[in-house]
Amino acid sequence: MQIKEAAMYLNTTPKAIRFYETKGLITPRKDEGNQYRYFSESDLYRLSTILALREIGVAVQDIKTILEDPNLSIRQYLDIQRSALFEQWLEMRDMIETIDEMLEQNWKNDSIEAIHQLAAHLKNMKEIRGKWQDRWDFNEQAKDYDNHIKREGHVFNVHEGYDEGLQAVVEKVKLGSCSVVADIGIGTGNLGAKFLPNHKVIGVDQSEKMLEKCKEKHPTIETRNGHFLALPLLDQSVDAIVSSYALHHLPDEEKLLALKEMKRVLKPNGQIGIVDLMFQDEIHRKNVLNQFRKAGNQIAVDSIEDEYYANQSLLVEWLKQNGYKVEAIQINRILGLIYAYS
């Protein structure tokens, strides 16, 4: 098939096809005599893929990366692209909300300082969402993650009460049939899978390898690339949000932003079930740390101080202020459960 025929077949133009050729995305066979381009069936398939990706806004250089990287499937890339678009969408929402607040100031002289504060807040929100990094290398952990969950033993065992904690979430979050459950920081799917097969489960994680492992173990779970601060979910689209052993990777300020994101995607009367490393409050935290110090268990102290174990009181206060009824349970001295419903 020559270039004009290919263009007509794909509903594009010869000029567009030549452009993608100059960018190295396609290399059709050329006649040695007249230099006419001839497009094979595989060329047409490749071109249709390029056109489809461009239609949804994928940059030419990114398309080239997808097509040339044997380890990156188109599905994986689209998942990453969706996550990035959700982050951009949330930034746009933040900007609109900030402008609305600025307009409410009526541009009075005494409101200039308030406007500057709103602009600074917008900048801070953008930086927080953009700076999130995986310093724990979950991609590397994914393959053997389940084998490393130790239920007992060790000088300090962060997974003490693991099974009990996951089961406690399931017992609290009661749903009608065919509900939608989002598991944030799903990892390999140990919590989300407990809501199958009666409910649709969407697993969100920033680690591609964790999502691959989750999909391998639980094919019916829909996996999405994303993180707490920019959930790849539409407003009021899920009936419940659950999470296990993930929130403690966020500093306190970001935990509250994560709760705000959860509220955004929850349907009215939605439920939240979080089991994680946490203390009842700051007094409880200090008491537990002192117990470990007195016992000479510096490994435990260092492990706790290296992470961002939550204070239940902080999360409970935010949830109550935002219209939720809340139950807080301390399962053991480092593991807690937050259940919220509206």
C-alpha atoms as a PDB file:
ATOM      1  CA  MET A   1       0.000   0.000   0.000  1.00  0.00           C
ATOM      2  CA  GLN A   2       1.392   3.407  -0.987  1.00  0.00           C
ATOM      3  CA  ILE A   3       1.307   6.506   1.183  1.00  0.00           C
ATOM      4  CA  LYS A   4      -1.921   8.023  -0.193  1.00  0.00           C
ATOM      5  CA  GLU A   5      -3.741   4.731   0.176  1.00  0.00           C
ATOM      6  CA  ALA A   6      -2.383   4.314   3.692  1.00  0.00           C
ATOM      7  CA  ALA A   7      -3.500   7.840   4.585  1.00  0.00           C
ATOM      8  CA  MET A   8      -7.020   7.199   3.306  1.00  0.00           C
ATOM      9  CA  TYR A   9      -7.186   3.832   5.078  1.00  0.00           C
ATOM     10  CA  LEU A  10      -6.186   5.412   8.415  1.00  0.00           C
ATOM     11  CA  ASN A  11      -8.181   8.627   7.927  1.00  0.00           C
ATOM     12  CA  THR A  12      -5.106  10.832   8.135  1.00  0.00           C
ATOM     13  CA  THR A  13      -2.896  12.731   5.652  1.00  0.00           C
ATOM     14  CA  PRO A  14       0.280  11.839   3.751  1.00  0.00           C
ATOM     15  CA  LYS A  15       1.893  14.873   5.421  1.00  0.00           C
ATOM     16  CA  ALA A  16       1.202  13.416   8.890  1.00  0.00           C
ATOM     17  CA  ILE A  17       2.647  10.053   7.877  1.00  0.00           C
ATOM     18  CA  ARG A  18       5.814  11.715   6.514  1.00  0.00           C
ATOM     19  CA  PHE A  19       6.120  13.674   9.783  1.00  0.00           C
ATOM     20  CA  TYR A  20       6.096  10.479  11.848  1.00  0.00           C
ATOM     21  CA  GLU A  21       8.644   9.001   9.465  1.00  0.00           C
ATOM     22  CA  THR A  22      11.007  11.964   9.972  1.00  0.00           C
ATOM     23  CA  LYS A  23      10.642  11.482  13.738  1.00  0.00           C
ATOM     24  CA  GLY A  24      11.746   7.864  13.414  1.00  0.00           C
ATOM     25  CA  LEU A  25       8.415   6.358  14.471  1.00  0.00           C
ATOM     26  CA  ILE A  26       7.912   4.421  11.245  1.00  0.00           C
ATOM     27  CA  THR A  27      10.261   3.110   8.570  1.00  0.00           C
ATOM     28  CA  PRO A  28       8.262   1.932   5.536  1.00  0.00           C
ATOM     29  CA  ARG A  29      10.006   0.049   2.759  1.00  0.00           C
ATOM     30  CA  LYS A  30      11.087   2.285  -0.143  1.00  0.00           C
ATOM     31  CA  ASP A  31      11.334   1.293  -3.793  1.00  0.00           C
ATOM     32  CA  GLU A  32      15.005   1.458  -4.784  1.00  0.00           C
ATOM     33  CA  GLY A  33      14.128   2.936  -8.153  1.00  0.00           C
ATOM     34  CA  ASN A  34      11.461   5.598  -7.572  1.00  0.00           C
ATOM     35  CA  GLN A  35      11.692   5.879  -3.743  1.00  0.00           C
ATOM     36  CA  TYR A  36       7.941   5.331  -3.345  1.00  0.00           C
ATOM     37  CA  ARG A  37       6.968   4.255   0.162  1.00  0.00           C
ATOM     38  CA  TYR A  38       5.187   0.941   0.616  1.00  0.00           C
ATOM     39  CA  PHE A  39       3.334   0.216   3.843  1.00  0.00           C
ATOM     40  CA  SER A  40       2.939  -3.337   5.076  1.00  0.00           C
ATOM     41  CA  GLU A  41       0.193  -4.588   7.400  1.00  0.00           C
ATOM     42  CA  SER A  42       2.527  -4.191  10.392  1.00  0.00           C
ATOM     43  CA  ASP A  43       3.343  -0.613   9.273  1.00  0.00           C
ATOM     44  CA  LEU A  44      -0.376   0.196   9.184  1.00  0.00           C
ATOM     45  CA  TYR A  45      -0.894  -1.294  12.641  1.00  0.00           C
ATOM     46  CA  ARG A  46       2.024   0.727  13.998  1.00  0.00           C
ATOM     47  CA  LEU A  47       0.685   3.901  12.377  1.00  0.00           C
ATOM     48  CA  SER A  48      -2.806   3.323  13.799  1.00  0.00           C
ATOM     49  CA  THR A  49      -1.262   2.961  17.259  1.00  0.00           C
ATOM     50  CA  ILE A  50       0.685   6.204  16.808  1.00  0.00           C
ATOM     51  CA  LEU A  51      -2.433   8.071  15.666  1.00  0.00           C
ATOM     52  CA  ALA A  52      -4.478   6.734  18.581  1.00  0.00           C
ATOM     53  CA  LEU A  53      -1.843   7.780  21.117  1.00  0.00           C
ATOM     54  CA  ARG A  54      -1.553  11.238  19.585  1.00  0.00           C
ATOM     55  CA  GLU A  55      -5.346  11.590  19.746  1.00  0.00           C
ATOM     56  CA  ILE A  56      -5.249  11.293  23.545  1.00  0.00           C
ATOM     57  CA  GLY A  57      -2.381  13.751  23.878  1.00  0.00           C
ATOM     58  CA  VAL A  58       0.704  11.532  24.140  1.00  0.00           C
ATOM     59  CA  ALA A  59       3.824  13.398  22.999  1.00  0.00           C
ATOM     60  CA  VAL A  60       5.722  12.169  19.942  1.00  0.00           C
ATOM     61  CA  GLN A  61       8.884  11.497  21.949  1.00  0.00           C
ATOM     62  CA  ASP A  62       6.881   9.502  24.500  1.00  0.00           C
ATOM     63  CA  ILE A  63       5.317   7.436  21.715  1.00  0.00           C
ATOM     64  CA  LYS A  64       8.800   6.669  20.434  1.00  0.00           C
ATOM     65  CA  THR A  65       9.795   5.530  23.928  1.00  0.00           C
ATOM     66  CA  ILE A  66       6.790   3.211  24.125  1.00  0.00           C
ATOM     67  CA  LEU A  67       7.401   1.661  20.725  1.00  0.00           C
ATOM     68  CA  GLU A  68      11.123   1.165  21.307  1.00  0.00           C
ATOM     69  CA  ASP A  69      11.029  -0.090  24.924  1.00  0.00           C
ATOM     70  CA  PRO A  70      10.377  -3.856  24.944  1.00  0.00           C
ATOM     71  CA  ASN A  71       9.735  -3.758  28.705  1.00  0.00           C
ATOM     72  CA  LEU A  72       7.018  -1.084  28.563  1.00  0.00           C
ATOM     73  CA  SER A  73       3.671  -2.189  27.198  1.00  0.00           C
ATOM     74  CA  ILE A  74       1.211   0.257  25.729  1.00  0.00           C
ATOM     75  CA  ARG A  75      -1.197  -0.571  28.561  1.00  0.00           C
ATOM     76  CA  GLN A  76       1.445   0.288  31.158  1.00  0.00           C
ATOM     77  CA  TYR A  77       2.212   3.562  29.455  1.00  0.00           C
ATOM     78  CA  LEU A  78      -1.451   4.507  29.153  1.00  0.00           C
ATOM     79  CA  ASP A  79      -1.866   3.767  32.851  1.00  0.00           C
ATOM     80  CA  ILE A  80       1.032   6.116  33.638  1.00  0.00           C
ATOM     81  CA  GLN A  81      -0.420   8.699  31.239  1.00  0.00           C
ATOM     82  CA  ARG A  82      -3.798   8.496  32.982  1.00  0.00           C
ATOM     83  CA  SER A  83      -2.126   9.069  36.336  1.00  0.00           C
ATOM     84  CA  ALA A  84      -0.294  12.125  34.980  1.00  0.00           C
ATOM     85  CA  LEU A  85      -3.509  13.537  33.489  1.00  0.00           C
ATOM     86  CA  PHE A  86      -5.303  13.151  36.816  1.00  0.00           C
ATOM     87  CA  GLU A  87      -2.499  15.104  38.502  1.00  0.00           C
ATOM     88  CA  GLN A  88      -2.823  17.863  35.896  1.00  0.00           C
ATOM     89  CA  TRP A  89      -6.603  17.868  36.303  1.00  0.00           C
ATOM     90  CA  LEU A  90      -6.296  18.232  40.073  1.00  0.00           C
ATOM     91  CA  GLU A  91      -3.852  21.109  39.606  1.00  0.00           C
ATOM     92  CA  MET A  92      -6.391  22.818  37.343  1.00  0.00           C
ATOM     93  CA  ARG A  93      -9.094  22.335  39.981  1.00  0.00           C
ATOM     94  CA  ASP A  94      -6.802  23.835  42.609  1.00  0.00           C
ATOM     95  CA  MET A  95      -6.197  26.829  40.346  1.00  0.00           C
ATOM     96  CA  ILE A  96      -9.919  27.377  39.727  1.00  0.00           C
ATOM     97  CA  GLU A  97     -10.725  27.095  43.437  1.00  0.00           C
ATOM     98  CA  THR A  98      -7.924  29.554  44.230  1.00  0.00           C
ATOM     99  CA  ILE A  99      -9.213  32.045  41.646  1.00  0.00           C
ATOM    100  CA  ASP A 100     -12.738  31.705  43.091  1.00  0.00           C
ATOM    101  CA  GLU A 101     -11.401  32.514  46.549  1.00  0.00           C
ATOM    102  CA  MET A 102      -9.446  35.457  45.169  1.00  0.00           C
ATOM    103  CA  LEU A 103     -12.587  36.824  43.499  1.00  0.00           C
ATOM    104  CA  GLU A 104     -14.446  36.549  46.780  1.00  0.00           C
ATOM    105  CA  GLN A 105     -11.932  39.028  48.196  1.00  0.00           C
ATOM    106  CA  ASN A 106     -13.530  41.618  45.878  1.00  0.00           C
ATOM    107  CA  TRP A 107     -10.068  42.987  45.071  1.00  0.00           C
ATOM    108  CA  LYS A 108     -10.101  45.327  48.048  1.00  0.00           C
ATOM    109  CA  ASN A 109      -6.760  46.885  48.970  1.00  0.00           C
ATOM    110  CA  ASP A 110      -6.774  45.046  52.267  1.00  0.00           C
ATOM    111  CA  SER A 111      -7.203  41.723  50.478  1.00  0.00           C
ATOM    112  CA  ILE A 112      -3.869  41.768  48.619  1.00  0.00           C
ATOM    113  CA  GLU A 113      -2.103  39.927  51.425  1.00  0.00           C
ATOM    114  CA  ALA A 114      -4.825  37.272  51.430  1.00  0.00           C
ATOM    115  CA  ILE A 115      -4.446  36.854  47.661  1.00  0.00           C
ATOM    116  CA  HIS A 116      -0.701  36.340  48.085  1.00  0.00           C
ATOM    117  CA  GLN A 117      -1.413  33.707  50.724  1.00  0.00           C
ATOM    118  CA  LEU A 118      -3.794  31.879  48.397  1.00  0.00           C
ATOM    119  CA  ALA A 119      -1.227  31.936  45.593  1.00  0.00           C
ATOM    120  CA  ALA A 120       1.424  30.571  47.967  1.00  0.00           C
ATOM    121  CA  HIS A 121      -0.975  27.812  49.044  1.00  0.00           C
ATOM    122  CA  LEU A 122      -1.576  26.854  45.397  1.00  0.00           C
ATOM    123  CA  LYS A 123       2.165  26.680  44.762  1.00  0.00           C
ATOM    124  CA  ASN A 124       2.674  24.555  47.861  1.00  0.00           C
ATOM    125  CA  MET A 125      -0.048  22.095  46.807  1.00  0.00           C
ATOM    126  CA  LYS A 126       1.538  21.702  43.379  1.00  0.00           C
ATOM    127  CA  GLU A 127       4.968  21.082  44.890  1.00  0.00           C
ATOM    128  CA  ILE A 128       3.652  18.486  47.354  1.00  0.00           C
ATOM    129  CA  ARG A 129       1.913  16.475  44.630  1.00  0.00           C
ATOM    130  CA  GLY A 130       4.915  16.734  42.329  1.00  0.00           C
ATOM    131  CA  LYS A 131       7.683  15.831  44.770  1.00  0.00           C
ATOM    132  CA  TRP A 132       6.360  12.427  45.877  1.00  0.00           C
ATOM    133  CA  GLN A 133       9.095   9.848  45.482  1.00  0.00           C
ATOM    134  CA  ASP A 134       9.402   6.157  46.187  1.00  0.00           C
ATOM    135  CA  ARG A 135      12.378   6.045  48.533  1.00  0.00           C
ATOM    136  CA  TRP A 136      11.474   2.473  49.545  1.00  0.00           C
ATOM    137  CA  ASP A 137      11.997   1.005  46.038  1.00  0.00           C
ATOM    138  CA  PHE A 138       8.743  -0.968  45.955  1.00  0.00           C
ATOM    139  CA  ASN A 139       9.415  -2.073  42.380  1.00  0.00           C
ATOM    140  CA  GLU A 140      12.369  -4.040  43.707  1.00  0.00           C
ATOM    141  CA  GLN A 141      10.365  -5.408  46.652  1.00  0.00           C
ATOM    142  CA  ALA A 142       7.369  -6.542  44.594  1.00  0.00           C
ATOM    143  CA  LYS A 143       8.604  -9.987  43.558  1.00  0.00           C
ATOM    144  CA  ASP A 144       9.150 -11.294  47.095  1.00  0.00           C
ATOM    145  CA  TYR A 145       6.984  -8.865  49.062  1.00  0.00           C
ATOM    146  CA  ASP A 146       4.492 -11.443  50.325  1.00  0.00           C
ATOM    147  CA  ASN A 147       7.295 -13.749  51.477  1.00  0.00           C
ATOM    148  CA  HIS A 148       8.786 -10.926  53.552  1.00  0.00           C
ATOM    149  CA  ILE A 149       5.620 -10.329  55.547  1.00  0.00           C
ATOM    150  CA  LYS A 150       6.506 -11.932  58.868  1.00  0.00           C
ATOM    151  CA  ARG A 151       3.601 -12.524  61.220  1.00  0.00           C
ATOM    152  CA  GLU A 152       5.780 -13.303  64.218  1.00  0.00           C
ATOM    153  CA  GLY A 153       9.352 -13.259  65.469  1.00  0.00           C
ATOM    154  CA  HIS A 154      12.106 -10.667  64.997  1.00  0.00           C
ATOM    155  CA  VAL A 155      13.329  -8.113  67.492  1.00  0.00           C
ATOM    156  CA  PHE A 156      10.842  -5.669  65.980  1.00  0.00           C
ATOM    157  CA  ASN A 157       8.071  -6.921  63.728  1.00  0.00           C
ATOM    158  CA  VAL A 158       6.188  -4.215  61.834  1.00  0.00           C
ATOM    159  CA  HIS A 159       3.737  -6.817  60.514  1.00  0.00           C
ATOM    160  CA  GLU A 160       2.639  -8.078  63.907  1.00  0.00           C
ATOM    161  CA  GLY A 161      -1.148  -8.420  63.700  1.00  0.00           C
ATOM    162  CA  TYR A 162      -1.103  -8.213  59.887  1.00  0.00           C
ATOM    163  CA  ASP A 163      -3.857 -10.761  59.205  1.00  0.00           C
ATOM    164  CA  GLU A 164      -5.942  -9.519  62.115  1.00  0.00           C
ATOM    165  CA  GLY A 165      -5.695  -5.954  60.822  1.00  0.00           C
ATOM    166  CA  LEU A 166      -6.775  -6.796  57.281  1.00  0.00           C
ATOM    167  CA  GLN A 167      -9.683  -8.871  58.552  1.00  0.00           C
ATOM    168  CA  ALA A 168     -10.765  -6.023  60.838  1.00  0.00           C
ATOM    169  CA  VAL A 169     -11.129  -3.743  57.795  1.00  0.00           C
ATOM    170  CA  VAL A 170     -13.270  -6.328  56.001  1.00  0.00           C
ATOM    171  CA  GLU A 171     -15.516  -6.729  59.042  1.00  0.00           C
ATOM    172  CA  LYS A 172     -16.032  -2.971  59.360  1.00  0.00           C
ATOM    173  CA  VAL A 173     -16.591  -2.066  55.711  1.00  0.00           C
ATOM    174  CA  LYS A 174     -19.984  -3.570  54.914  1.00  0.00           C
ATOM    175  CA  LEU A 175     -21.232  -3.010  51.374  1.00  0.00           C
ATOM    176  CA  GLY A 176     -24.190  -3.756  49.186  1.00  0.00           C
ATOM    177  CA  SER A 177     -23.719  -6.114  46.263  1.00  0.00           C
ATOM    178  CA  CYS A 178     -21.714  -4.935  43.244  1.00  0.00           C
ATOM    179  CA  SER A 179     -20.157  -2.005  45.085  1.00  0.00           C
ATOM    180  CA  VAL A 180     -16.901  -0.394  43.963  1.00  0.00           C
ATOM    181  CA  VAL A 181     -13.957  -0.606  46.364  1.00  0.00           C
ATOM    182  CA  ALA A 182     -10.694   1.282  45.841  1.00  0.00           C
ATOM    183  CA  ASP A 183      -7.607  -0.094  47.603  1.00  0.00           C
ATOM    184  CA  ILE A 184      -5.009   2.684  47.837  1.00  0.00           C
ATOM    185  CA  GLY A 185      -1.423   1.478  47.990  1.00  0.00           C
ATOM    186  CA  ILE A 186      -2.729  -1.948  47.067  1.00  0.00           C
ATOM    187  CA  GLY A 187       0.690  -3.572  46.762  1.00  0.00           C
ATOM    188  CA  THR A 188       0.181  -7.214  45.819  1.00  0.00           C
ATOM    189  CA  GLY A 189      -3.531  -7.115  46.586  1.00  0.00           C
ATOM    190  CA  ASN A 190      -3.788  -8.804  49.966  1.00  0.00           C
ATOM    191  CA  LEU A 191      -6.491  -6.483  51.311  1.00  0.00           C
ATOM    192  CA  GLY A 192      -8.370  -5.648  48.131  1.00  0.00           C
ATOM    193  CA  ALA A 193      -8.735  -9.319  47.197  1.00  0.00           C
ATOM    194  CA  LYS A 194     -10.807  -9.886  50.344  1.00  0.00           C
ATOM    195  CA  PHE A 195     -13.628  -7.903  48.720  1.00  0.00           C
ATOM    196  CA  LEU A 196     -13.767 -10.215  45.705  1.00  0.00           C
ATOM    197  CA  PRO A 197     -15.813 -11.596  44.019  1.00  0.00           C
ATOM    198  CA  ASN A 198     -18.879  -9.718  45.266  1.00  0.00           C
ATOM    199  CA  HIS A 199     -17.502  -6.249  44.518  1.00  0.00           C
ATOM    200  CA  LYS A 200     -15.471  -4.488  41.869  1.00  0.00           C
ATOM    201  CA  VAL A 201     -12.001  -3.709  43.227  1.00  0.00           C
ATOM    202  CA  ILE A 202      -9.757  -0.973  41.828  1.00  0.00           C
ATOM    203  CA  GLY A 203      -6.175  -1.143  43.043  1.00  0.00           C
ATOM    204  CA  VAL A 204      -4.080   2.042  43.039  1.00  0.00           C
ATOM    205  CA  ASP A 205      -0.314   1.976  43.505  1.00  0.00           C
ATOM    206  CA  GLN A 206       2.655   4.006  42.253  1.00  0.00           C
ATOM    207  CA  SER A 207       4.751   0.867  41.739  1.00  0.00           C
ATOM    208  CA  GLU A 208       4.304  -0.772  38.346  1.00  0.00           C
ATOM    209  CA  LYS A 209       5.867  -3.995  39.598  1.00  0.00           C
ATOM    210  CA  MET A 210       3.488  -4.150  42.561  1.00  0.00           C
ATOM    211  CA  LEU A 211       0.561  -3.677  40.187  1.00  0.00           C
ATOM    212  CA  GLU A 212       1.903  -6.428  37.921  1.00  0.00           C
ATOM    213  CA  LYS A 213       2.199  -8.792  40.887  1.00  0.00           C
ATOM    214  CA  CYS A 214      -1.284  -7.865  42.061  1.00  0.00           C
ATOM    215  CA  LYS A 215      -2.720  -8.550  38.599  1.00  0.00           C
ATOM    216  CA  GLU A 216      -0.856 -11.851  38.442  1.00  0.00           C
ATOM    217  CA  LYS A 217      -2.353 -12.961  41.760  1.00  0.00           C
ATOM    218  CA  HIS A 218      -5.806 -11.448  41.264  1.00  0.00           C
ATOM    219  CA  PRO A 219      -6.672 -10.999  37.557  1.00  0.00           C
ATOM    220  CA  THR A 220     -10.110  -9.521  38.284  1.00  0.00           C
ATOM    221  CA  ILE A 221      -8.710  -6.544  40.202  1.00  0.00           C
ATOM    222  CA  GLU A 222      -8.479  -3.442  38.003  1.00  0.00           C
ATOM    223  CA  THR A 223      -5.077  -1.880  38.589  1.00  0.00           C
ATOM    224  CA  ARG A 224      -4.234   1.802  38.140  1.00  0.00           C
ATOM    225  CA  ASN A 225      -1.000   3.734  38.479  1.00  0.00           C
ATOM    226  CA  GLY A 226      -1.301   6.551  41.015  1.00  0.00           C
ATOM    227  CA  HIS A 227      -0.782   7.615  44.601  1.00  0.00           C
ATOM    228  CA  PHE A 228      -2.603   9.029  47.629  1.00  0.00           C
ATOM    229  CA  LEU A 229      -2.241  12.684  46.618  1.00  0.00           C
ATOM    230  CA  ALA A 230      -3.625  12.287  43.088  1.00  0.00           C
ATOM    231  CA  LEU A 231      -5.995   9.347  42.931  1.00  0.00           C
ATOM    232  CA  PRO A 232      -6.723   8.251  39.334  1.00  0.00           C
ATOM    233  CA  LEU A 233     -10.453   8.174  40.075  1.00  0.00           C
ATOM    234  CA  LEU A 234     -13.329  10.462  39.172  1.00  0.00           C
ATOM    235  CA  ASP A 235     -15.298  12.403  41.775  1.00  0.00           C
ATOM    236  CA  GLN A 236     -17.806  10.340  43.787  1.00  0.00           C
ATOM    237  CA  SER A 237     -16.993   7.166  41.861  1.00  0.00           C
ATOM    238  CA  VAL A 238     -16.359   4.579  44.605  1.00  0.00           C
ATOM    239  CA  ASP A 239     -18.420   3.216  47.493  1.00  0.00           C
ATOM    240  CA  ALA A 240     -15.502   2.487  49.791  1.00  0.00           C
ATOM    241  CA  ILE A 241     -11.810   3.173  50.132  1.00  0.00           C
ATOM    242  CA  VAL A 242      -9.535   0.779  51.978  1.00  0.00           C
ATOM    243  CA  SER A 243      -5.810   0.895  52.605  1.00  0.00           C
ATOM    244  CA  SER A 244      -3.283  -1.172  54.524  1.00  0.00           C
ATOM    245  CA  TYR A 245       0.315  -0.443  55.541  1.00  0.00           C
ATOM    246  CA  ALA A 246       0.644   2.477  53.100  1.00  0.00           C
ATOM    247  CA  LEU A 247      -0.448   5.749  54.712  1.00  0.00           C
ATOM    248  CA  HIS A 248       2.545   5.758  57.070  1.00  0.00           C
ATOM    249  CA  HIS A 249       4.779   6.620  54.122  1.00  0.00           C
ATOM    250  CA  LEU A 250       3.268  10.136  54.077  1.00  0.00           C
ATOM    251  CA  PRO A 251       4.156  13.010  56.450  1.00  0.00           C
ATOM    252  CA  ASP A 252       1.230  14.300  58.535  1.00  0.00           C
ATOM    253  CA  GLU A 253       0.449  17.216  56.212  1.00  0.00           C
ATOM    254  CA  GLU A 254       0.217  14.865  53.256  1.00  0.00           C
ATOM    255  CA  LYS A 255      -1.920  12.396  55.211  1.00  0.00           C
ATOM    256  CA  LEU A 256      -4.594  15.071  55.512  1.00  0.00           C
ATOM    257  CA  LEU A 257      -4.331  15.827  51.788  1.00  0.00           C
ATOM    258  CA  ALA A 258      -4.758  12.097  51.189  1.00  0.00           C
ATOM    259  CA  LEU A 259      -7.943  12.100  53.269  1.00  0.00           C
ATOM    260  CA  LYS A 260      -9.190  15.047  51.209  1.00  0.00           C
ATOM    261  CA  GLU A 261      -8.563  13.056  48.030  1.00  0.00           C
ATOM    262  CA  MET A 262     -10.437  10.088  49.500  1.00  0.00           C
ATOM    263  CA  LYS A 263     -13.402  12.306  50.264  1.00  0.00           C
ATOM    264  CA  ARG A 264     -13.348  13.613  46.678  1.00  0.00           C
ATOM    265  CA  VAL A 265     -13.685  10.182  45.089  1.00  0.00           C
ATOM    266  CA  LEU A 266     -16.127   8.681  47.608  1.00  0.00           C
ATOM    267  CA  LYS A 267     -19.811   8.552  46.807  1.00  0.00           C
ATOM    268  CA  PRO A 268     -22.243  10.033  49.328  1.00  0.00           C
ATOM    269  CA  ASN A 269     -22.524   7.638  52.312  1.00  0.00           C
ATOM    270  CA  GLY A 270     -19.125   6.197  51.365  1.00  0.00           C
ATOM    271  CA  GLN A 271     -16.857   4.366  53.793  1.00  0.00           C
ATOM    272  CA  ILE A 272     -13.144   4.485  54.612  1.00  0.00           C
ATOM    273  CA  GLY A 273     -11.211   1.638  56.220  1.00  0.00           C
ATOM    274  CA  ILE A 274      -7.511   2.174  56.985  1.00  0.00           C
ATOM    275  CA  VAL A 275      -5.295  -0.239  58.873  1.00  0.00           C
ATOM    276  CA  ASP A 276      -1.778   1.037  59.343  1.00  0.00           C
ATOM    277  CA  LEU A 277       1.150   1.670  61.618  1.00  0.00           C
ATOM    278  CA  MET A 278      -0.154   4.333  63.998  1.00  0.00           C
ATOM    279  CA  PHE A 279      -0.468   5.447  67.593  1.00  0.00           C
ATOM    280  CA  GLN A 280      -3.502   6.715  69.473  1.00  0.00           C
ATOM    281  CA  ASP A 281      -1.944  10.139  69.979  1.00  0.00           C
ATOM    282  CA  GLU A 282       1.387  11.815  70.729  1.00  0.00           C
ATOM    283  CA  ILE A 283       1.385  10.662  74.365  1.00  0.00           C
ATOM    284  CA  HIS A 284       0.909   7.053  73.284  1.00  0.00           C
ATOM    285  CA  ARG A 285       3.712   7.436  70.726  1.00  0.00           C
ATOM    286  CA  LYS A 286       6.150   8.702  73.359  1.00  0.00           C
ATOM    287  CA  ASN A 287       5.172   5.937  75.792  1.00  0.00           C
ATOM    288  CA  VAL A 288       5.751   3.185  73.217  1.00  0.00           C
ATOM    289  CA  LEU A 289       9.097   4.642  72.149  1.00  0.00           C
ATOM    290  CA  ASN A 290      10.171   4.884  75.784  1.00  0.00           C
ATOM    291  CA  GLN A 291       9.218   1.233  76.313  1.00  0.00           C
ATOM    292  CA  PHE A 292      11.428   0.181  73.424  1.00  0.00           C
ATOM    293  CA  ARG A 293      14.298   2.371  74.667  1.00  0.00           C
ATOM    294  CA  LYS A 294      14.090   0.904  78.163  1.00  0.00           C
ATOM    295  CA  ALA A 295      14.123  -2.583  76.652  1.00  0.00           C
ATOM    296  CA  GLY A 296      17.270  -1.668  74.690  1.00  0.00           C
ATOM    297  CA  ASN A 297      15.452  -2.191  71.390  1.00  0.00           C
ATOM    298  CA  GLN A 298      17.083   0.513  69.281  1.00  0.00           C
ATOM    299  CA  ILE A 299      16.038  -1.285  66.076  1.00  0.00           C
ATOM    300  CA  ALA A 300      12.396  -0.647  66.958  1.00  0.00           C
ATOM    301  CA  VAL A 301      13.047   3.008  67.801  1.00  0.00           C
ATOM    302  CA  ASP A 302      14.963   3.604  64.563  1.00  0.00           C
ATOM    303  CA  SER A 303      12.323   1.824  62.485  1.00  0.00           C
ATOM    304  CA  ILE A 304       9.525   3.946  63.909  1.00  0.00           C
ATOM    305  CA  GLU A 305      11.407   7.223  63.609  1.00  0.00           C
ATOM    306  CA  ASP A 306      12.393   6.433  60.018  1.00  0.00           C
ATOM    307  CA  GLU A 307       8.730   6.385  58.965  1.00  0.00           C
ATOM    308  CA  TYR A 308       5.675   8.591  59.497  1.00  0.00           C
ATOM    309  CA  TYR A 309       3.515   6.528  61.840  1.00  0.00           C
ATOM    310  CA  ALA A 310       0.235   8.411  62.195  1.00  0.00           C
ATOM    311  CA  ASN A 311      -1.483   9.699  65.298  1.00  0.00           C
ATOM    312  CA  GLN A 312      -5.047   8.412  65.181  1.00  0.00           C
ATOM    313  CA  SER A 313      -6.206  11.594  66.884  1.00  0.00           C
ATOM    314  CA  LEU A 314      -5.055  13.729  63.919  1.00  0.00           C
ATOM    315  CA  LEU A 315      -6.919  11.607  61.358  1.00  0.00           C
ATOM    316  CA  VAL A 316     -10.032  11.289  63.517  1.00  0.00           C
ATOM    317  CA  GLU A 317     -10.224  15.056  64.026  1.00  0.00           C
ATOM    318  CA  TRP A 318     -10.011  15.787  60.291  1.00  0.00           C
ATOM    319  CA  LEU A 319     -12.599  13.159  59.419  1.00  0.00           C
ATOM    320  CA  LYS A 320     -15.073  14.413  62.040  1.00  0.00           C
ATOM    321  CA  GLN A 321     -14.612  18.002  60.908  1.00  0.00           C
ATOM    322  CA  ASN A 322     -15.469  16.853  57.372  1.00  0.00           C
ATOM    323  CA  GLY A 323     -18.735  15.167  58.252  1.00  0.00           C
ATOM    324  CA  TYR A 324     -17.712  11.594  59.000  1.00  0.00           C
ATOM    325  CA  LYS A 325     -18.565   9.395  61.941  1.00  0.00           C
ATOM    326  CA  VAL A 326     -15.381   7.667  63.049  1.00  0.00           C
ATOM    327  CA  GLU A 327     -14.291   4.579  64.946  1.00  0.00           C
ATOM    328  CA  ALA A 328     -10.641   4.214  65.991  1.00  0.00           C
ATOM    329  CA  ILE A 329      -9.227   0.929  67.248  1.00  0.00           C
ATOM    330  CA  GLN A 330      -5.694   0.222  68.475  1.00  0.00           C
ATOM    331  CA  ILE A 331      -5.021  -3.389  67.478  1.00  0.00           C
ATOM    332  CA  ASN A 332      -1.610  -3.544  69.137  1.00  0.00           C
ATOM    333  CA  ARG A 333       0.865  -0.941  70.267  1.00  0.00           C
ATOM    334  CA  ILE A 334       1.910   0.047  66.721  1.00  0.00           C
ATOM    335  CA  LEU A 335      -1.038  -1.065  64.576  1.00  0.00           C
ATOM    336  CA  GLY A 336      -4.324   0.810  64.413  1.00  0.00           C
ATOM    337  CA  LEU A 337      -7.580   0.916  62.476  1.00  0.00           C
ATOM    338  CA  ILE A 338      -9.564   3.943  61.359  1.00  0.00           C
ATOM    339  CA  TYR A 339     -13.103   3.351  60.119  1.00  0.00           C
ATOM    340  CA  ALA A 340     -15.098   6.328  58.866  1.00  0.00           C
ATOM    341  CA  TYR A 341     -18.525   6.592  57.312  1.00  0.00           C
ATOM    342  CA  SER A 342     -20.979   9.350  56.460  1.00  0.00           C
END
